[in-house]
Each structure stands twice: as structure tokens, then as C-alpha cells.
Amino acid sequence: MRLRQLVTVASDLRSTERAITAALDVEVCYRDPGVGRFGLRHGLYPIGDRLLEVVVPKHDDTAAGRFLARRGGDSGYMVIVQVDDLDSHRTRLADTDIRVVFDASAPGIRGMHLHPADVGGAIVSIDQAEPPESWAWAGPDFAYHARSSVAADMTGAELQSDNPDALAMRWSAALGLPVTPERMIELDDATIRFTASSDGRGEGLAAIDLVAVDRSRVGETLELSGVRFTLV
């Protein structure tokens, strides 16, 4: 199981995109017209072979709009993991209390969104791509747009909660992976960690780890789209 895409939600796409592209030296690889049916605008930005996405609600009466209101502004929104056998995870989840709220599909890719009330912190999607190195959600040519002057990769996500142990156990059930004594879930190539809320905003995706190209910048943090990006 790989970490493949992280999503933030913002109130304004233009200003958020300007800030992200300037700070991380990334560029838009795709805008999927299909997100309009969810009342969204968005942009996708490759970092290595992973994707950072920003979604913006067109109006308040959308899931993303309500999430913005609950979080009190721009925030982390979604974590998408990639697996080799989606059907086995669907079978596994049928034996849990976690519901699949949406099935997504396009040529070469399919996935399932888990009910946010059953997992917490962020929307979780478990997806399978064929071939595995492709990622149709990001268009046919996303790799061409990958830039690496600031960050070479995304290797971690931090979820905060007033009860991080309980949140970690819900994510463990969702992903089918154990929680370490350090309150982390280890994916094949990334880490999801769970920490106590420290900003008064409650449960949410609070931070993303980026592998710094310039090692002198390790430890530097950037606040973008309501999320703390840390160069590691």
C-alpha cells in the first residue's frame, strides 16, 4: 500500500494555487472537468510520482464547503492510497463497521471512498491503477509536469485529533495495517502519524512531509492551504 495523493480544501483556488506553485515550484498537470459534478474546482500538482491536489467548493452547500466550515478555513481534506488488489480490501472492509460511500472509476483506475464519519480526520480513498505507475486521476501526462527544485517526494502525513489513539485505530481498521507504538501507520513508502490537536481546530489532516532537494532546508516549514508542509 502506497501513499499516492494528498488533498487540501481551500476557499479560493487562484490565491491558493499561486502560493503553492511559488513556494514549492510545482505546476498544474491536470484539471479534471468531472469534479464539477461534486460542485468543485481543483488543480493537481505532481511531486515525484505522487500528487498534491487542491479542491475548492463552487458554493457552500457541498461536502467540501461544509468541511471548510467545520474546520474554520482552509485545511487538509483527503488521503488517497494505492493498492494492488482493490477487491481484497473491499472484502476486508465488509467485515468492519466502515462503509464505502462512493465508488470512483475511470479508464485505468478505480477506487472507493470510505465514509468520513466512520474513519475521521480526512476522507480516505483506496485506489488501484493499471498499470501501477499510471494515475488517471491526474491525467495522461502528469509525469511530464513533475518538478523537483524544492521537493522530490511526499513521504508523510500527520493527522491530529483530541483523541489521537482512537483516530489511529479507526485508520488502522480502514487501511488494514497496524498502529506502531509511536502512534504511526507505516505504508510501503510513507508514514501516517497521529498527534494530539494543538491548534484548536479538532480532527484533520494537519501536516505533510516533503523530501527536501536542498538539504540545507531540512526542518523548514511552509503554511499552505491550511496545512503545515515540512521539508525533511
Protein backbone atom coordinates (compact mmCIF):
# COMPACT_ATOMS: atom_id res chain seq x y z
CA MET A 1 0.00 0.00 0.00
CA ARG A 2 1.45 3.34 -1.14
CA LEU A 3 0.65 6.93 -0.34
CA ARG A 4 -0.23 8.34 -3.77
CA GLN A 5 -2.21 11.56 -3.39
CA LEU A 6 -2.92 14.16 -0.68
CA VAL A 7 -5.70 16.70 -1.00
CA THR A 8 -6.33 20.05 0.65
CA VAL A 9 -9.51 22.11 0.54
CA ALA A 10 -9.41 25.88 0.18
CA SER A 11 -11.84 28.74 -0.21
CA ASP A 12 -10.10 30.32 -3.23
CA LEU A 13 -8.29 28.37 -5.93
CA ARG A 14 -6.37 31.19 -7.60
CA SER A 15 -4.69 32.57 -4.50
CA THR A 16 -4.01 29.11 -3.04
CA GLU A 17 -2.56 27.89 -6.31
CA ARG A 18 -0.31 30.92 -6.61
CA ALA A 19 1.02 30.33 -3.11
CA ILE A 20 1.63 26.60 -3.65
CA THR A 21 3.25 26.90 -7.06
CA ALA A 22 5.50 29.71 -5.85
CA ALA A 23 6.56 28.06 -2.58
CA LEU A 24 7.03 24.52 -3.92
CA ASP A 25 7.93 25.31 -7.54
CA VAL A 26 5.27 22.90 -8.83
CA GLU A 27 2.95 23.29 -11.80
CA VAL A 28 -0.56 22.22 -12.69
CA CYS A 29 -0.68 18.90 -14.54
CA TYR A 30 -4.44 18.47 -14.91
CA ARG A 31 -7.88 19.89 -14.21
CA ASP A 32 -10.50 17.17 -14.34
CA PRO A 33 -13.84 18.51 -15.58
CA GLY A 34 -15.52 15.58 -13.81
CA VAL A 35 -15.04 17.16 -10.38
CA GLY A 36 -17.69 19.70 -11.34
CA ARG A 37 -20.41 17.20 -10.52
CA PHE A 38 -19.30 17.44 -6.88
CA GLY A 39 -19.51 21.24 -7.02
CA LEU A 40 -15.73 21.62 -7.06
CA ARG A 41 -12.91 23.34 -8.88
CA HIS A 42 -9.43 21.93 -8.47
CA GLY A 43 -5.81 21.69 -9.53
CA LEU A 44 -3.37 18.78 -9.42
CA TYR A 45 0.38 19.22 -8.91
CA PRO A 46 2.85 16.30 -9.21
CA ILE A 47 5.66 15.89 -6.68
CA GLY A 48 7.72 12.93 -7.83
CA ASP A 49 5.16 10.35 -8.88
CA ARG A 50 2.72 11.47 -6.19
CA LEU A 51 0.07 14.16 -6.44
CA LEU A 52 -0.87 17.15 -4.36
CA GLU A 53 -4.38 18.38 -5.09
CA VAL A 54 -6.32 21.47 -4.04
CA VAL A 55 -10.12 21.41 -4.23
CA VAL A 56 -12.36 24.45 -3.86
CA PRO A 57 -16.16 24.34 -3.49
CA LYS A 58 -18.14 26.36 -6.01
CA HIS A 59 -20.76 27.00 -3.32
CA ASP A 60 -21.20 26.35 0.39
CA ASP A 61 -23.72 23.51 0.06
CA THR A 62 -21.17 20.85 -0.87
CA ALA A 63 -19.28 18.29 1.20
CA ALA A 64 -16.11 20.35 0.73
CA GLY A 65 -17.92 23.56 1.68
CA ARG A 66 -19.26 22.02 4.86
CA PHE A 67 -15.80 20.66 5.66
CA LEU A 68 -14.33 24.16 5.30
CA ALA A 69 -16.93 25.47 7.72
CA ARG A 70 -16.26 22.73 10.29
CA ARG A 71 -12.50 23.24 10.12
CA GLY A 72 -12.77 27.00 10.25
CA GLY A 73 -10.94 27.61 6.96
CA ASP A 74 -8.51 26.00 4.54
CA SER A 75 -7.45 22.54 5.63
CA GLY A 76 -6.18 19.12 4.74
CA TYR A 77 -9.03 17.14 3.22
CA MET A 78 -8.24 13.72 1.78
CA VAL A 79 -5.67 10.90 1.75
CA ILE A 80 -5.54 8.54 -1.23
CA VAL A 81 -3.59 5.30 -1.02
CA GLN A 82 -2.76 2.94 -3.87
CA VAL A 83 -3.13 -0.84 -3.64
CA ASP A 84 -2.55 -3.77 -5.99
CA ASP A 85 -5.83 -5.54 -5.24
CA LEU A 86 -8.77 -3.25 -4.53
CA ASP A 87 -11.28 -6.09 -4.36
CA SER A 88 -9.48 -7.75 -1.45
CA HIS A 89 -9.73 -4.51 0.53
CA ARG A 90 -13.42 -4.23 -0.30
CA THR A 91 -13.91 -7.75 1.05
CA ARG A 92 -11.88 -6.93 4.16
CA LEU A 93 -13.89 -3.78 4.85
CA ALA A 94 -17.16 -5.70 4.58
CA ASP A 95 -16.24 -7.31 7.91
CA THR A 96 -15.82 -3.93 9.62
CA ASP A 97 -18.16 -1.07 10.53
CA ILE A 98 -16.56 1.15 7.88
CA ARG A 99 -18.84 1.98 4.96
CA VAL A 100 -17.89 2.67 1.36
CA VAL A 101 -19.63 5.93 0.50
CA PHE A 102 -18.57 6.32 -3.15
CA ASP A 103 -17.07 4.20 -5.93
CA ALA A 104 -14.93 6.10 -8.42
CA SER A 105 -13.76 4.79 -11.77
CA ALA A 106 -12.14 5.92 -15.00
CA PRO A 107 -10.20 4.07 -17.69
CA GLY A 108 -7.20 2.53 -15.96
CA ILE A 109 -8.20 3.41 -12.40
CA ARG A 110 -10.86 2.76 -9.79
CA GLY A 111 -11.23 3.47 -6.12
CA MET A 112 -13.53 3.60 -3.14
CA HIS A 113 -14.08 6.50 -0.76
CA LEU A 114 -14.68 5.49 2.84
CA HIS A 115 -17.35 7.19 4.88
CA PRO A 116 -15.66 10.09 6.72
CA ALA A 117 -17.86 9.59 9.78
CA ASP A 118 -16.53 6.04 10.11
CA VAL A 119 -12.84 6.92 9.82
CA GLY A 120 -12.39 10.55 10.86
CA GLY A 121 -9.72 13.17 10.28
CA ALA A 122 -9.89 13.17 6.49
CA ILE A 123 -11.60 11.36 3.66
CA VAL A 124 -9.80 8.10 2.86
CA SER A 125 -9.79 6.64 -0.63
CA ILE A 126 -8.28 3.26 -1.54
CA ASP A 127 -7.47 3.09 -5.26
CA GLN A 128 -5.98 0.71 -7.82
CA ALA A 129 -4.32 1.87 -11.07
CA GLU A 130 -3.43 -0.18 -14.14
CA PRO A 131 -0.60 -0.03 -14.91
CA PRO A 132 0.51 0.79 -11.35
CA GLU A 133 2.80 3.64 -12.40
CA SER A 134 -0.10 5.45 -14.08
CA TRP A 135 -2.58 7.67 -12.23
CA ALA A 136 -5.53 8.58 -14.42
CA TRP A 137 -6.97 10.99 -11.84
CA ALA A 138 -4.02 13.25 -12.75
CA GLY A 139 -4.42 13.00 -16.50
CA PRO A 140 -2.42 11.12 -19.11
CA ASP A 141 0.79 13.16 -18.88
CA PHE A 142 1.24 14.08 -15.22
CA ALA A 143 4.85 12.87 -15.07
CA TYR A 144 5.88 15.45 -17.67
CA HIS A 145 4.86 18.23 -15.27
CA ALA A 146 6.74 16.90 -12.23
CA ARG A 147 9.33 19.38 -10.96
CA SER A 148 11.91 18.79 -8.26
CA SER A 149 13.67 22.02 -7.38
CA VAL A 150 12.13 22.21 -3.88
CA ALA A 151 10.63 18.80 -3.04
CA ALA A 152 11.48 15.45 -4.56
CA ASP A 153 8.73 13.42 -2.87
CA MET A 154 5.91 13.35 -0.31
CA THR A 155 6.61 10.81 2.39
CA GLY A 156 4.34 11.56 5.31
CA ALA A 157 1.01 12.86 6.51
CA GLU A 158 0.05 13.93 10.02
CA LEU A 159 -3.49 13.71 11.34
CA GLN A 160 -4.39 15.47 14.56
CA SER A 161 -7.19 14.73 16.98
CA ASP A 162 -8.27 15.39 20.53
CA ASN A 163 -8.11 11.58 20.84
CA PRO A 164 -5.27 10.55 18.53
CA ASP A 165 -5.19 6.94 19.78
CA ALA A 166 -8.82 6.39 18.81
CA LEU A 167 -8.27 8.08 15.44
CA ALA A 168 -5.24 5.88 14.77
CA MET A 169 -7.26 2.74 15.50
CA ARG A 170 -10.02 3.81 13.08
CA TRP A 171 -7.42 4.40 10.36
CA SER A 172 -5.84 1.06 11.16
CA ALA A 173 -9.19 -0.63 10.54
CA ALA A 174 -9.70 1.38 7.35
CA LEU A 175 -6.31 0.54 5.87
CA GLY A 176 -5.85 -2.93 7.33
CA LEU A 177 -2.47 -2.02 8.82
CA PRO A 178 -1.27 -1.94 12.44
CA VAL A 179 -0.51 1.12 14.53
CA THR A 180 3.07 1.25 15.83
CA PRO A 181 3.91 2.10 19.47
CA GLU A 182 4.88 5.56 18.15
CA ARG A 183 1.27 6.02 17.00
CA MET A 184 2.07 5.68 13.30
CA ILE A 185 0.87 3.56 10.39
CA GLU A 186 3.68 2.51 8.10
CA LEU A 187 2.82 2.27 4.41
CA ASP A 188 5.24 0.74 1.91
CA ASP A 189 6.88 4.09 1.22
CA ALA A 190 5.39 6.65 3.59
CA THR A 191 4.14 7.18 7.14
CA ILE A 192 0.84 8.36 8.53
CA ARG A 193 1.20 9.63 12.08
CA PHE A 194 -1.38 10.70 14.64
CA THR A 195 -0.86 13.55 17.08
CA ALA A 196 -2.82 15.50 19.66
CA SER A 197 -4.63 18.57 18.38
CA SER A 198 -2.62 21.70 19.02
CA ASP A 199 -4.43 24.47 17.12
CA GLY A 200 -8.00 24.25 18.38
CA ARG A 201 -9.32 23.04 15.02
CA GLY A 202 -10.11 19.46 16.02
CA GLU A 203 -9.56 16.40 13.85
CA GLY A 204 -7.92 16.88 10.49
CA LEU A 205 -5.01 16.45 8.14
CA ALA A 206 -2.62 18.95 9.67
CA ALA A 207 0.78 18.38 8.07
CA ILE A 208 2.54 16.91 5.04
CA ASP A 209 6.20 15.84 4.85
CA LEU A 210 8.18 16.71 1.71
CA VAL A 211 11.65 15.40 0.90
CA ALA A 212 13.87 18.47 0.52
CA VAL A 213 16.05 18.72 -2.58
CA ASP A 214 18.28 21.28 -0.86
CA ARG A 215 19.38 19.55 2.33
CA SER A 216 20.11 22.89 3.98
CA ARG A 217 16.34 23.48 4.06
CA VAL A 218 15.54 20.35 6.09
CA GLY A 219 13.33 21.34 9.01
CA GLU A 220 11.84 24.34 7.22
CA THR A 221 8.04 24.62 7.39
CA LEU A 222 5.63 26.27 4.99
CA GLU A 223 1.98 27.06 5.75
CA LEU A 224 -0.05 26.46 2.59
CA SER A 225 -3.78 25.86 2.18
CA GLY A 226 -4.23 25.49 5.92
CA VAL A 227 -1.63 22.70 6.12
CA ARG A 228 1.92 22.70 7.51
CA PHE A 229 4.38 21.44 4.90
CA THR A 230 7.68 20.32 6.45
CA LEU A 231 10.83 19.75 4.46
CA VAL A 232 12.51 16.56 5.69
